Structures are given as C-alpha cells and as structure tokens.
C-alpha atoms as a PDB file:
ATOM      1  CA  MET A   1      10.291 -20.798  -3.909  1.00  0.00           C
ATOM      2  CA  SER A   2      12.772 -17.853  -3.636  1.00  0.00           C
ATOM      3  CA  THR A   3      14.446 -17.151  -0.356  1.00  0.00           C
ATOM      4  CA  ALA A   4      13.240 -13.574  -0.454  1.00  0.00           C
ATOM      5  CA  PHE A   5      12.329 -11.973   2.787  1.00  0.00           C
ATOM      6  CA  VAL A   6       8.602 -11.639   3.500  1.00  0.00           C
ATOM      7  CA  TRP A   7       7.491  -8.218   4.795  1.00  0.00           C
ATOM      8  CA  ASP A   8       4.066  -8.126   6.312  1.00  0.00           C
ATOM      9  CA  ILE A   9       4.208  -5.639   9.122  1.00  0.00           C
ATOM     10  CA  ASP A  10       0.951  -3.848   9.986  1.00  0.00           C
ATOM     11  CA  PRO A  11       1.546  -0.168   9.567  1.00  0.00           C
ATOM     12  CA  THR A  12      -0.927   0.582  12.326  1.00  0.00           C
ATOM     13  CA  ILE A  13       0.495   0.277  15.849  1.00  0.00           C
ATOM     14  CA  ILE A  14      -2.800   0.893  17.697  1.00  0.00           C
ATOM     15  CA  THR A  15      -6.328   1.876  16.839  1.00  0.00           C
ATOM     16  CA  LEU A  16      -8.486   3.868  19.338  1.00  0.00           C
ATOM     17  CA  GLY A  17     -11.908   4.387  17.731  1.00  0.00           C
ATOM     18  CA  PRO A  18     -11.450   6.538  14.653  1.00  0.00           C
ATOM     19  CA  LEU A  19      -7.915   7.315  15.631  1.00  0.00           C
ATOM     20  CA  GLN A  20      -4.836   5.375  14.582  1.00  0.00           C
ATOM     21  CA  LEU A  21      -1.237   5.485  15.675  1.00  0.00           C
ATOM     22  CA  ARG A  22       0.964   4.543  12.759  1.00  0.00           C
ATOM     23  CA  TYR A  23       4.629   4.056  12.397  1.00  0.00           C
ATOM     24  CA  TYR A  24       4.693   6.637   9.557  1.00  0.00           C
ATOM     25  CA  GLY A  25       3.186   9.249  11.851  1.00  0.00           C
ATOM     26  CA  ILE A  26       5.739   8.585  14.508  1.00  0.00           C
ATOM     27  CA  LEU A  27       8.641   8.800  12.082  1.00  0.00           C
ATOM     28  CA  PHE A  28       7.179  12.033  10.549  1.00  0.00           C
ATOM     29  CA  GLY A  29       6.932  13.571  14.035  1.00  0.00           C
ATOM     30  CA  LEU A  30      10.457  12.663  14.751  1.00  0.00           C
ATOM     31  CA  THR A  31      11.471  14.136  11.486  1.00  0.00           C
ATOM     32  CA  LEU A  32       9.957  17.459  12.608  1.00  0.00           C
ATOM     33  CA  LEU A  33      11.544  17.380  16.076  1.00  0.00           C
ATOM     34  CA  ILE A  34      15.074  16.325  15.131  1.00  0.00           C
ATOM     35  CA  GLY A  35      15.075  18.224  11.904  1.00  0.00           C
ATOM     36  CA  TYR A  36      14.021  21.495  13.616  1.00  0.00           C
ATOM     37  CA  TRP A  37      16.631  20.991  16.211  1.00  0.00           C
ATOM     38  CA  LEU A  38      19.447  20.636  13.622  1.00  0.00           C
ATOM     39  CA  PHE A  39      18.003  23.527  11.578  1.00  0.00           C
ATOM     40  CA  ARG A  40      18.031  25.803  14.604  1.00  0.00           C
ATOM     41  CA  LYS A  41      21.518  24.899  15.515  1.00  0.00           C
ATOM     42  CA  GLN A  42      22.814  25.621  12.097  1.00  0.00           C
ATOM     43  CA  LEU A  43      21.195  29.044  12.086  1.00  0.00           C
ATOM     44  CA  GLU A  44      22.648  29.825  15.393  1.00  0.00           C
ATOM     45  CA  ARG A  45      26.185  29.020  13.944  1.00  0.00           C
ATOM     46  CA  TYR A  46      25.446  31.813  11.472  1.00  0.00           C
ATOM     47  CA  GLY A  47      24.436  34.147  14.241  1.00  0.00           C
ATOM     48  CA  TYR A  48      20.534  33.986  14.019  1.00  0.00           C
ATOM     49  CA  PRO A  49      18.289  33.603  17.114  1.00  0.00           C
ATOM     50  CA  GLU A  50      15.798  30.784  17.724  1.00  0.00           C
ATOM     51  CA  LYS A  51      13.004  33.099  16.812  1.00  0.00           C
ATOM     52  CA  ILE A  52      14.080  33.137  13.165  1.00  0.00           C
ATOM     53  CA  ALA A  53      13.933  29.380  13.087  1.00  0.00           C
ATOM     54  CA  GLU A  54      10.523  29.338  14.753  1.00  0.00           C
ATOM     55  CA  SER A  55       9.169  31.807  12.144  1.00  0.00           C
ATOM     56  CA  TYR A  56      10.241  29.672   9.246  1.00  0.00           C
ATOM     57  CA  LEU A  57       9.016  26.252  10.638  1.00  0.00           C
ATOM     58  CA  LEU A  58       5.392  26.548   9.529  1.00  0.00           C
ATOM     59  CA  TRP A  59       6.271  27.904   6.081  1.00  0.00           C
ATOM     60  CA  GLY A  60       8.855  25.169   5.583  1.00  0.00           C
ATOM     61  CA  VAL A  61       6.392  22.384   6.493  1.00  0.00           C
ATOM     62  CA  LEU A  62       3.827  23.836   4.122  1.00  0.00           C
ATOM     63  CA  GLY A  63       6.406  24.129   1.332  1.00  0.00           C
ATOM     64  CA  VAL A  64       7.271  20.540   1.736  1.00  0.00           C
ATOM     65  CA  ILE A  65       3.710  19.306   1.670  1.00  0.00           C
ATOM     66  CA  VAL A  66       2.386  21.552  -1.052  1.00  0.00           C
ATOM     67  CA  GLY A  67       5.563  21.181  -3.276  1.00  0.00           C
ATOM     68  CA  ALA A  68       5.745  17.462  -2.887  1.00  0.00           C
ATOM     69  CA  ARG A  69       2.086  16.993  -3.719  1.00  0.00           C
ATOM     70  CA  LEU A  70       1.990  19.268  -6.709  1.00  0.00           C
ATOM     71  CA  ALA A  71       5.073  17.798  -8.063  1.00  0.00           C
ATOM     72  CA  HIS A  72       3.630  14.274  -7.825  1.00  0.00           C
ATOM     73  CA  CYS A  73       0.433  15.411  -9.523  1.00  0.00           C
ATOM     74  CA  PHE A  74       1.875  17.310 -12.454  1.00  0.00           C
ATOM     75  CA  PHE A  75       5.112  15.538 -13.058  1.00  0.00           C
ATOM     76  CA  TYR A  76       3.975  11.966 -12.683  1.00  0.00           C
ATOM     77  CA  GLU A  77       0.260  11.898 -13.348  1.00  0.00           C
ATOM     78  CA  PRO A  78      -0.666  15.132 -15.007  1.00  0.00           C
ATOM     79  CA  ASP A  79      -3.376  13.797 -17.399  1.00  0.00           C
ATOM     80  CA  TYR A  80      -5.340  12.247 -14.362  1.00  0.00           C
ATOM     81  CA  TYR A  81      -5.051  15.373 -12.149  1.00  0.00           C
ATOM     82  CA  LEU A  82      -5.757  17.876 -14.844  1.00  0.00           C
ATOM     83  CA  ARG A  83      -8.961  15.976 -15.549  1.00  0.00           C
ATOM     84  CA  ASN A  84      -9.714  15.586 -11.830  1.00  0.00           C
ATOM     85  CA  PRO A  85      -8.369  18.809 -10.128  1.00  0.00           C
ATOM     86  CA  ALA A  86     -10.240  18.151  -6.982  1.00  0.00           C
ATOM     87  CA  GLU A  87      -8.194  15.072  -6.268  1.00  0.00           C
ATOM     88  CA  ILE A  88      -5.083  17.252  -5.888  1.00  0.00           C
ATOM     89  CA  ILE A  89      -6.118  18.212  -2.423  1.00  0.00           C
ATOM     90  CA  LYS A  90      -6.600  14.635  -1.288  1.00  0.00           C
ATOM     91  CA  VAL A  91      -3.081  14.109  -0.125  1.00  0.00           C
ATOM     92  CA  TRP A  92      -4.013  10.852   1.471  1.00  0.00           C
ATOM     93  CA  LYS A  93      -4.584   9.343  -1.971  1.00  0.00           C
ATOM     94  CA  GLY A  94      -1.885   9.128  -4.627  1.00  0.00           C
ATOM     95  CA  GLY A  95       1.641  10.191  -3.798  1.00  0.00           C
ATOM     96  CA  ILE A  96       4.262  12.901  -3.092  1.00  0.00           C
ATOM     97  CA  ALA A  97       7.547  13.613  -4.712  1.00  0.00           C
ATOM     98  CA  SER A  98      10.855  14.564  -3.062  1.00  0.00           C
ATOM     99  CA  HIS A  99      11.750  16.809  -5.820  1.00  0.00           C
ATOM    100  CA  GLY A 100       8.690  18.882  -5.229  1.00  0.00           C
ATOM    101  CA  ALA A 101       9.463  19.035  -1.531  1.00  0.00           C
ATOM    102  CA  THR A 102      12.835  20.484  -2.329  1.00  0.00           C
ATOM    103  CA  ILE A 103      11.399  23.066  -4.816  1.00  0.00           C
ATOM    104  CA  GLY A 104       8.733  23.940  -2.137  1.00  0.00           C
ATOM    105  CA  LEU A 105      11.530  24.532   0.426  1.00  0.00           C
ATOM    106  CA  PHE A 106      13.502  26.717  -1.998  1.00  0.00           C
ATOM    107  CA  LEU A 107      10.555  28.895  -2.880  1.00  0.00           C
ATOM    108  CA  THR A 108       9.461  29.488   0.713  1.00  0.00           C
ATOM    109  CA  ALA A 109      13.148  30.113   1.583  1.00  0.00           C
ATOM    110  CA  ILE A 110      13.424  32.714  -1.142  1.00  0.00           C
ATOM    111  CA  TRP A 111      10.333  34.554   0.228  1.00  0.00           C
ATOM    112  CA  PHE A 112      11.354  34.199   3.773  1.00  0.00           C
ATOM    113  CA  THR A 113      14.946  35.479   3.336  1.00  0.00           C
ATOM    114  CA  ARG A 114      13.772  38.482   1.391  1.00  0.00           C
ATOM    115  CA  LYS A 115      11.264  39.337   4.125  1.00  0.00           C
ATOM    116  CA  HIS A 116      13.867  38.963   6.782  1.00  0.00           C
ATOM    117  CA  LYS A 117      16.763  40.448   4.813  1.00  0.00           C
ATOM    118  CA  MET A 118      19.127  37.413   5.377  1.00  0.00           C
ATOM    119  CA  PRO A 119      21.248  35.533   2.862  1.00  0.00           C
ATOM    120  CA  PHE A 120      19.324  32.746   1.114  1.00  0.00           C
ATOM    121  CA  LEU A 121      22.232  30.232   1.438  1.00  0.00           C
ATOM    122  CA  LYS A 122      22.430  30.631   5.171  1.00  0.00           C
ATOM    123  CA  LEU A 123      18.766  29.632   5.576  1.00  0.00           C
ATOM    124  CA  GLY A 124      19.266  26.912   3.042  1.00  0.00           C
ATOM    125  CA  ASP A 125      22.202  25.551   4.978  1.00  0.00           C
ATOM    126  CA  GLY A 126      19.911  24.955   7.857  1.00  0.00           C
ATOM    127  CA  ILE A 127      17.080  23.604   5.934  1.00  0.00           C
ATOM    128  CA  VAL A 128      19.113  20.804   4.386  1.00  0.00           C
ATOM    129  CA  TYR A 129      19.852  19.297   7.772  1.00  0.00           C
ATOM    130  CA  ALA A 130      16.113  18.895   8.325  1.00  0.00           C
ATOM    131  CA  ALA A 131      15.719  17.695   4.657  1.00  0.00           C
ATOM    132  CA  ALA A 132      18.381  14.911   5.265  1.00  0.00           C
ATOM    133  CA  VAL A 133      16.603  13.691   8.437  1.00  0.00           C
ATOM    134  CA  GLY A 134      13.249  13.719   6.456  1.00  0.00           C
ATOM    135  CA  ALA A 135      14.874  11.829   3.549  1.00  0.00           C
ATOM    136  CA  THR A 136      15.946   9.117   6.078  1.00  0.00           C
ATOM    137  CA  LEU A 137      12.880   8.763   8.366  1.00  0.00           C
ATOM    138  CA  VAL A 138       9.999   9.343   5.848  1.00  0.00           C
ATOM    139  CA  ARG A 139      11.486   6.619   3.589  1.00  0.00           C
ATOM    140  CA  ILE A 140      11.583   4.201   6.561  1.00  0.00           C
ATOM    141  CA  GLY A 141       7.908   5.265   7.147  1.00  0.00           C
ATOM    142  CA  ASN A 142       7.186   4.341   3.461  1.00  0.00           C
ATOM    143  CA  PHE A 143       8.862   0.971   4.114  1.00  0.00           C
ATOM    144  CA  MET A 144       6.666   0.417   7.147  1.00  0.00           C
ATOM    145  CA  ASN A 145       3.630   1.220   4.922  1.00  0.00           C
ATOM    146  CA  SER A 146       4.777  -1.228   2.211  1.00  0.00           C
ATOM    147  CA  GLU A 147       4.565   1.721  -0.380  1.00  0.00           C
ATOM    148  CA  ILE A 148       6.848   3.239  -2.964  1.00  0.00           C
ATOM    149  CA  VAL A 149       8.095  -0.268  -3.593  1.00  0.00           C
ATOM    150  CA  GLY A 150      10.946  -1.290  -5.958  1.00  0.00           C
ATOM    151  CA  ARG A 151      10.807  -3.032  -9.251  1.00  0.00           C
ATOM    152  CA  ILE A 152      10.189  -6.766  -9.467  1.00  0.00           C
ATOM    153  CA  THR A 153      13.446  -8.687  -9.296  1.00  0.00           C
ATOM    154  CA  ASP A 154      14.891 -12.296  -9.052  1.00  0.00           C
ATOM    155  CA  ALA A 155      17.624 -11.086  -6.655  1.00  0.00           C
ATOM    156  CA  SER A 156      17.923 -13.278  -3.577  1.00  0.00           C
ATOM    157  CA  TRP A 157      17.909 -10.195  -1.316  1.00  0.00           C
ATOM    158  CA  GLY A 158      14.547  -8.953  -2.679  1.00  0.00           C
ATOM    159  CA  MET A 159      11.448  -8.659  -0.582  1.00  0.00           C
ATOM    160  CA  ARG A 160       7.818  -9.862  -0.873  1.00  0.00           C
ATOM    161  CA  PHE A 161       5.584  -6.875   0.323  1.00  0.00           C
ATOM    162  CA  LEU A 162       2.411  -8.766   1.298  1.00  0.00           C
ATOM    163  CA  ARG A 163       0.640  -5.501   2.014  1.00  0.00           C
ATOM    164  CA  ASN A 164       1.256  -3.912  -1.368  1.00  0.00           C
ATOM    165  CA  PRO A 165      -2.187  -4.026  -2.949  1.00  0.00           C
ATOM    166  CA  GLU A 166      -0.843  -4.026  -6.478  1.00  0.00           C
ATOM    167  CA  ASP A 167       1.032  -7.377  -5.991  1.00  0.00           C
ATOM    168  CA  LEU A 168      -2.079  -9.346  -5.035  1.00  0.00           C
ATOM    169  CA  PRO A 169      -3.466  -9.639  -8.573  1.00  0.00           C
ATOM    170  CA  LEU A 170      -0.126 -10.324  -9.871  1.00  0.00           C
ATOM    171  CA  ALA A 171       0.328 -13.291  -7.443  1.00  0.00           C
ATOM    172  CA  ARG A 172      -3.085 -14.640  -8.408  1.00  0.00           C
ATOM    173  CA  SER A 173      -2.295 -14.381 -12.088  1.00  0.00           C
ATOM    174  CA  ALA A 174       0.961 -16.177 -11.655  1.00  0.00           C
ATOM    175  CA  ALA A 175      -0.754 -18.903  -9.476  1.00  0.00           C
ATOM    176  CA  ILE A 176      -3.451 -19.475 -12.173  1.00  0.00           C
ATOM    177  CA  ALA A 177      -0.773 -19.609 -14.914  1.00  0.00           C
ATOM    178  CA  ALA A 178       1.053 -22.207 -12.955  1.00  0.00           C
ATOM    179  CA  ASN A 179      -2.183 -24.226 -12.323  1.00  0.00           C
ATOM    180  CA  ALA A 180      -1.611 -24.022  -8.504  1.00  0.00           C
ATOM    181  CA  ALA A 181      -3.857 -26.568  -6.837  1.00  0.00           C
ATOM    182  CA  CYS A 182      -4.805 -24.575  -3.751  1.00  0.00           C
ATOM    183  CA  ASP A 183      -7.125 -21.902  -2.486  1.00  0.00           C
ATOM    184  CA  LEU A 184      -6.264 -18.711  -4.413  1.00  0.00           C
ATOM    185  CA  SER A 185      -7.661 -16.578  -1.594  1.00  0.00           C
ATOM    186  CA  SER A 186      -5.064 -18.008   0.753  1.00  0.00           C
ATOM    187  CA  ILE A 187      -1.848 -16.089   1.390  1.00  0.00           C
ATOM    188  CA  ASP A 188      -0.006 -19.339   1.902  1.00  0.00           C
ATOM    189  CA  CYS A 189      -1.046 -20.445  -1.551  1.00  0.00           C
ATOM    190  CA  LEU A 190      -0.106 -17.292  -3.199  1.00  0.00           C
ATOM    191  CA  LEU A 191       3.132 -16.759  -1.293  1.00  0.00           C
ATOM    192  CA  PRO A 192       5.358 -18.713  -3.818  1.00  0.00           C
ATOM    193  CA  PHE A 193       4.018 -16.635  -6.575  1.00  0.00           C
ATOM    194  CA  TRP A 194       4.093 -13.347  -4.825  1.00  0.00           C
ATOM    195  CA  PRO A 195       6.364 -10.751  -6.674  1.00  0.00           C
ATOM    196  CA  VAL A 196       9.820 -10.108  -5.178  1.00  0.00           C
ATOM    197  CA  ARG A 197      10.737  -6.525  -5.320  1.00  0.00           C
ATOM    198  CA  TYR A 198      13.772  -4.387  -4.466  1.00  0.00           C
ATOM    199  CA  PRO A 199      13.404  -2.606  -0.987  1.00  0.00           C
ATOM    200  CA  SER A 200      14.013   0.866  -2.701  1.00  0.00           C
ATOM    201  CA  GLN A 201      12.668   2.655   0.269  1.00  0.00           C
ATOM    202  CA  LEU A 202      15.640   1.361   2.293  1.00  0.00           C
ATOM    203  CA  PHE A 203      18.044   2.446  -0.445  1.00  0.00           C
ATOM    204  CA  GLU A 204      16.704   6.045  -0.312  1.00  0.00           C
ATOM    205  CA  ALA A 205      16.679   5.952   3.430  1.00  0.00           C
ATOM    206  CA  LEU A 206      20.395   4.936   3.285  1.00  0.00           C
ATOM    207  CA  GLY A 207      20.962   7.946   0.992  1.00  0.00           C
ATOM    208  CA  GLY A 208      19.422  10.339   3.451  1.00  0.00           C
ATOM    209  CA  LEU A 209      21.476   8.867   6.268  1.00  0.00           C
ATOM    210  CA  THR A 210      24.630   9.095   4.228  1.00  0.00           C
ATOM    211  CA  VAL A 211      23.920  12.735   3.422  1.00  0.00           C
ATOM    212  CA  LEU A 212      23.331  13.554   7.081  1.00  0.00           C
ATOM    213  CA  ALA A 213      26.573  11.953   8.058  1.00  0.00           C
ATOM    214  CA  LEU A 214      28.398  14.066   5.355  1.00  0.00           C
ATOM    215  CA  LEU A 215      26.875  17.214   6.587  1.00  0.00           C
ATOM    216  CA  LEU A 216      28.145  16.539  10.005  1.00  0.00           C
ATOM    217  CA  LEU A 217      31.520  15.563   8.690  1.00  0.00           C
ATOM    218  CA  THR A 218      31.686  18.859   6.668  1.00  0.00           C
ATOM    219  CA  LEU A 219      30.777  20.745   9.832  1.00  0.00           C
ATOM    220  CA  ALA A 220      33.672  19.149  11.666  1.00  0.00           C
ATOM    221  CA  LEU A 221      36.111  19.838   8.842  1.00  0.00           C
ATOM    222  CA  LEU A 222      35.182  23.533   8.791  1.00  0.00           C
ATOM    223  CA  LYS A 223      36.601  23.849  12.340  1.00  0.00           C
ATOM    224  CA  GLY A 224      34.676  26.831  13.382  1.00  0.00           C
ATOM    225  CA  LYS A 225      34.627  28.639  10.031  1.00  0.00           C
ATOM    226  CA  ASN A 226      31.509  29.378   8.059  1.00  0.00           C
ATOM    227  CA  ARG A 227      31.181  28.753   4.364  1.00  0.00           C
ATOM    228  CA  PRO A 228      27.638  29.649   3.460  1.00  0.00           C
ATOM    229  CA  GLY A 229      26.105  27.419   0.857  1.00  0.00           C
ATOM    230  CA  ILE A 230      28.444  24.378   1.371  1.00  0.00           C
ATOM    231  CA  PHE A 231      25.917  22.445   3.282  1.00  0.00           C
ATOM    232  CA  SER A 232      23.222  23.165   0.661  1.00  0.00           C
ATOM    233  CA  GLY A 233      25.691  22.026  -1.971  1.00  0.00           C
ATOM    234  CA  VAL A 234      26.587  18.765  -0.167  1.00  0.00           C
ATOM    235  CA  PHE A 235      22.927  17.891   0.289  1.00  0.00           C
ATOM    236  CA  LEU A 236      21.805  18.662  -3.273  1.00  0.00           C
ATOM    237  CA  SER A 237      24.772  17.028  -5.125  1.00  0.00           C
ATOM    238  CA  VAL A 238      24.916  13.807  -2.934  1.00  0.00           C
ATOM    239  CA  TYR A 239      21.294  13.152  -2.114  1.00  0.00           C
ATOM    240  CA  PHE A 240      20.059  13.563  -5.708  1.00  0.00           C
ATOM    241  CA  THR A 241      22.903  11.512  -6.972  1.00  0.00           C
ATOM    242  CA  PHE A 242      21.606   8.791  -4.669  1.00  0.00           C
ATOM    243  CA  ARG A 243      18.078   9.475  -5.972  1.00  0.00           C
ATOM    244  CA  PHE A 244      19.265   9.240  -9.512  1.00  0.00           C
ATOM    245  CA  PHE A 245      20.717   5.747  -9.118  1.00  0.00           C
ATOM    246  CA  VAL A 246      17.794   4.518  -6.864  1.00  0.00           C
ATOM    247  CA  GLU A 247      15.439   5.231  -9.805  1.00  0.00           C
ATOM    248  CA  PHE A 248      17.034   2.187 -11.473  1.00  0.00           C
ATOM    249  CA  PHE A 249      15.397   0.008  -8.684  1.00  0.00           C
ATOM    250  CA  LYS A 250      12.181   1.891  -7.967  1.00  0.00           C
ATOM    251  CA  GLU A 251       8.897   0.908  -9.592  1.00  0.00           C
ATOM    252  CA  PHE A 252       8.014   3.230 -12.563  1.00  0.00           C
ATOM    253  CA  GLN A 253       5.766   6.057 -11.308  1.00  0.00           C
ATOM    254  CA  GLU A 254       4.839   7.672 -14.676  1.00  0.00           C
ATOM    255  CA  GLU A 255       2.942   6.135 -17.514  1.00  0.00           C
ATOM    256  CA  TYR A 256       4.599   8.216 -20.164  1.00  0.00           C
ATOM    257  CA  ARG A 257       8.093   7.019 -19.538  1.00  0.00           C
ATOM    258  CA  ILE A 258       7.898   4.367 -22.251  1.00  0.00           C
ATOM    259  CA  GLY A 259      10.715   4.936 -24.831  1.00  0.00           C
ATOM    260  CA  SER A 260      12.843   7.214 -22.576  1.00  0.00           C
ATOM    261  CA  LEU A 261      16.198   6.248 -21.336  1.00  0.00           C
ATOM    262  CA  LEU A 262      15.622   7.908 -17.924  1.00  0.00           C
ATOM    263  CA  THR A 263      12.733   8.146 -15.548  1.00  0.00           C
ATOM    264  CA  MET A 264      11.071  11.405 -14.601  1.00  0.00           C
ATOM    265  CA  GLY A 265      12.761  11.165 -11.223  1.00  0.00           C
ATOM    266  CA  GLN A 266      16.196  11.008 -12.882  1.00  0.00           C
ATOM    267  CA  TRP A 267      15.472  13.890 -15.184  1.00  0.00           C
ATOM    268  CA  LEU A 268      14.466  16.028 -12.203  1.00  0.00           C
ATOM    269  CA  SER A 269      17.526  14.968 -10.224  1.00  0.00           C
ATOM    270  CA  ILE A 270      20.017  16.268 -12.746  1.00  0.00           C
ATOM    271  CA  PRO A 271      19.462  20.014 -12.203  1.00  0.00           C
ATOM    272  CA  PHE A 272      19.603  19.628  -8.418  1.00  0.00           C
ATOM    273  CA  ILE A 273      23.035  17.804  -8.718  1.00  0.00           C
ATOM    274  CA  CYS A 274      24.419  20.631 -10.921  1.00  0.00           C
ATOM    275  CA  ILE A 275      23.110  23.364  -8.595  1.00  0.00           C
ATOM    276  CA  GLY A 276      24.608  21.508  -5.635  1.00  0.00           C
ATOM    277  CA  ILE A 277      28.073  21.300  -7.261  1.00  0.00           C
ATOM    278  CA  TRP A 278      27.943  24.967  -8.105  1.00  0.00           C
ATOM    279  CA  PHE A 279      27.068  25.807  -4.488  1.00  0.00           C
ATOM    280  CA  ILE A 280      30.076  23.800  -3.271  1.00  0.00           C
ATOM    281  CA  VAL A 281      32.503  25.431  -5.712  1.00  0.00           C
ATOM    282  CA  ARG A 282      31.086  28.967  -4.879  1.00  0.00           C
ATOM    283  CA  ALA A 283      31.524  28.307  -1.080  1.00  0.00           C
ATOM    284  CA  LEU A 284      35.103  27.074  -1.444  1.00  0.00           C
ATOM    285  CA  ARG A 285      36.168  29.912  -3.601  1.00  0.00           C
ATOM    286  CA  LYS A 286      35.202  32.524  -1.145  1.00  0.00           C
ATOM    287  CA  ASP A 287      37.138  33.201   2.026  1.00  0.00           C
ATOM    288  CA  PRO A 288      35.459  31.575   5.025  1.00  0.00           C
ATOM    289  CA  GLU A 289      33.557  33.676   7.523  1.00  0.00           C
ATOM    290  CA  PRO A 290      34.384  33.556  11.197  1.00  0.00           C
ATOM    291  CA  ARG A 291      31.788  32.480  13.737  1.00  0.00           C
ATOM    292  CA  PRO A 292      29.609  35.355  14.956  1.00  0.00           C
ATOM    293  CA  ASP A 293      29.457  36.294  18.621  1.00  0.00           C
ATOM    294  CA  PRO A 294      26.503  34.710  20.738  1.00  0.00           C
ATOM    295  CA  ILE A 295      23.297  36.743  20.054  1.00  0.00           C
ATOM    296  CA  PRO A 296      20.626  37.875  22.418  1.00  0.00           C
ATOM    297  CA  ALA A 297      17.297  36.154  22.084  1.00  0.00           C
ATOM    298  CA  ILE A 298      15.519  39.324  20.990  1.00  0.00           C
ATOM    299  CA  ALA A 299      17.656  39.845  18.081  1.00  0.00           C
ATOM    300  CA  ASP A 300      16.238  39.646  14.486  1.00  0.00           C
ATOM    301  CA  GLY A 301      19.428  38.924  12.777  1.00  0.00           C
ATOM    302  CA  PRO A 302      23.109  38.076  13.231  1.00  0.00           C
ATOM    303  CA  VAL A 303      25.280  40.060  15.609  1.00  0.00           C
ATOM    304  CA  LYS A 304      28.436  41.177  13.876  1.00  0.00           C
ATOM    305  CA  LYS A 305      31.823  41.207  15.620  1.00  0.00           C
ATOM    306  CA  LYS A 306      32.882  44.600  16.858  1.00  0.00           C
ATOM    307  CA  LYS A 307      36.026  46.024  15.336  1.00  0.00           C
ATOM    308  CA  LYS A 308      38.900  46.474  17.720  1.00  0.00           C
END
C-alpha cells in the first residue's frame, strides 16, 4: 500500500436543522473581509475615499460569481449547458472557473470606472489584492471540500481524497480486478485501492499566497510612489503563470481536450500572462505619481495636491 496521506475531513463543521456551517463558507467570508480591507487600503493610496470601495463591492462580488460560473459552463462543458441552460443558474452543481472570475472583475471594473470617471488601472490595482486573497482561501476551501482534485499519481506525497465521489467506483474496480477478499462496501477494504492524487488545490493556494506576498513586496519597493497598473500586472502575470503550470497536475475538466497539447485552463491563462507583463512594462515606463493628500470622507474622487 502506498504511503499517501489520507484526507477524510468532513467539510461541514456543524449542522443546525437545515443550516450548515462549512469550512468553505468561513473561508469565503474571510476572503470578503480581508480582500475588501486590502482593496480599500489600495484605493486610499490613490486618493479615493472608502465610499468608492463600498460602491464597487457588490458589483465586484457579482462579477466574480457570474463570470466564474459562465466561464465554467461555456469553456469546460458547453455541450451540456447549451442543451440544459436552466442548469447554469444552479451554482451549487457543477463548477466555477478562476479565469471567468477575472473576466467578470474586469468587465465590472470597466463599467464602474467609466461611471465614476476614474482610471481603470487604479481600480484594478485594488481589485487584485482581493483576488489574491480569494485565490488562496477559496482553494483551501476546495481542499476542505475534497473537490477540484489533482490527477492520479504514484508520487509518495500524493493524497487519497476519500470524500471525492468520483474515486469510489475507481477504488471498487481496482479491488475487483485485484480479487480483493473483503467487503467492497468497506472503506478499510477499498483504502489500498483508492486513487492517489496530487493536492492541486494546495498548489493553487500556494500560488495565490505567493502573489499576495509579491504585491506587498512591490508596495514596499515603491517607497511611497504610485505606479498605476503595476499591481494588476504582477497579479496577472504571476498568478496565471502558476495557474498554467498547476494545470499539469489538475484533473482534466473538459472532455474535448483529447488531442491537444494544452488544457483549456492553460490556453485561457496565456492572454492574462501577456496582459500582465504589458501592464508592468507600461507602469515602469511612466514617471511615478506622488501619493495624494489625505481626502475627506465625502469626496467622490482623489484630491490633487495644491500647487505652491
């Protein structure tokens, strides 16, 4: 039997009648709290009041949910959802895609910045802080749910996800093929035959944490100067590079990948990497902006420094 680690954590912490408190829900809530705080702080560095951050919060959350769901439906399982469009709104069934969440954030940001007459990249530089927090905590939530698992491997550091429903029939088939002399309904019997998988959720969480650390390092290196777009560029180029390589370990999500060198997730990552590099180059070519003066709470936009 492989020495692979066995993961069998109940994703539900407590059940109160029809209500459940789950690890995923707690981590999603922390994503909103921590992400919003970092988002607001970055907008303040650009001279925008908290009211701007509050105004965008709802639209940003909607952009993430709608974009992530639609991207999963039409990039990964288009045939099924085109035949069953009513299933699209059932977000508790199926999956979501981080590429779609990013697209949703970009579209809502374009609309919001036009409405409030503010530079797109300044709002984007705040959004990516929240996105990095989400890329970390939401993937840990996926790990706690034993979902979005990695590919089957014989690596000694792989994991057996006992609560992944797709692995139960695989374990039974392997046990039958090996003529296992035990009760095939028993986990103890099936455990030696249970598929060992890469913990790809943790790889992605590490990517999100790395990006967040790089954003904070970039902030420190700027030493009080503002370079709009540089944070957006760091997030897009680094996170989606991580995402590209993690795809080599994740379970395939699209049926029509057969015959292609890359997965859908990898093809979708490439444009974001290129855009991120362009944002960084663009930000470094321009002269840095000084930090604006503190702004009154009632202001709608940044307060400019007075000329002396």
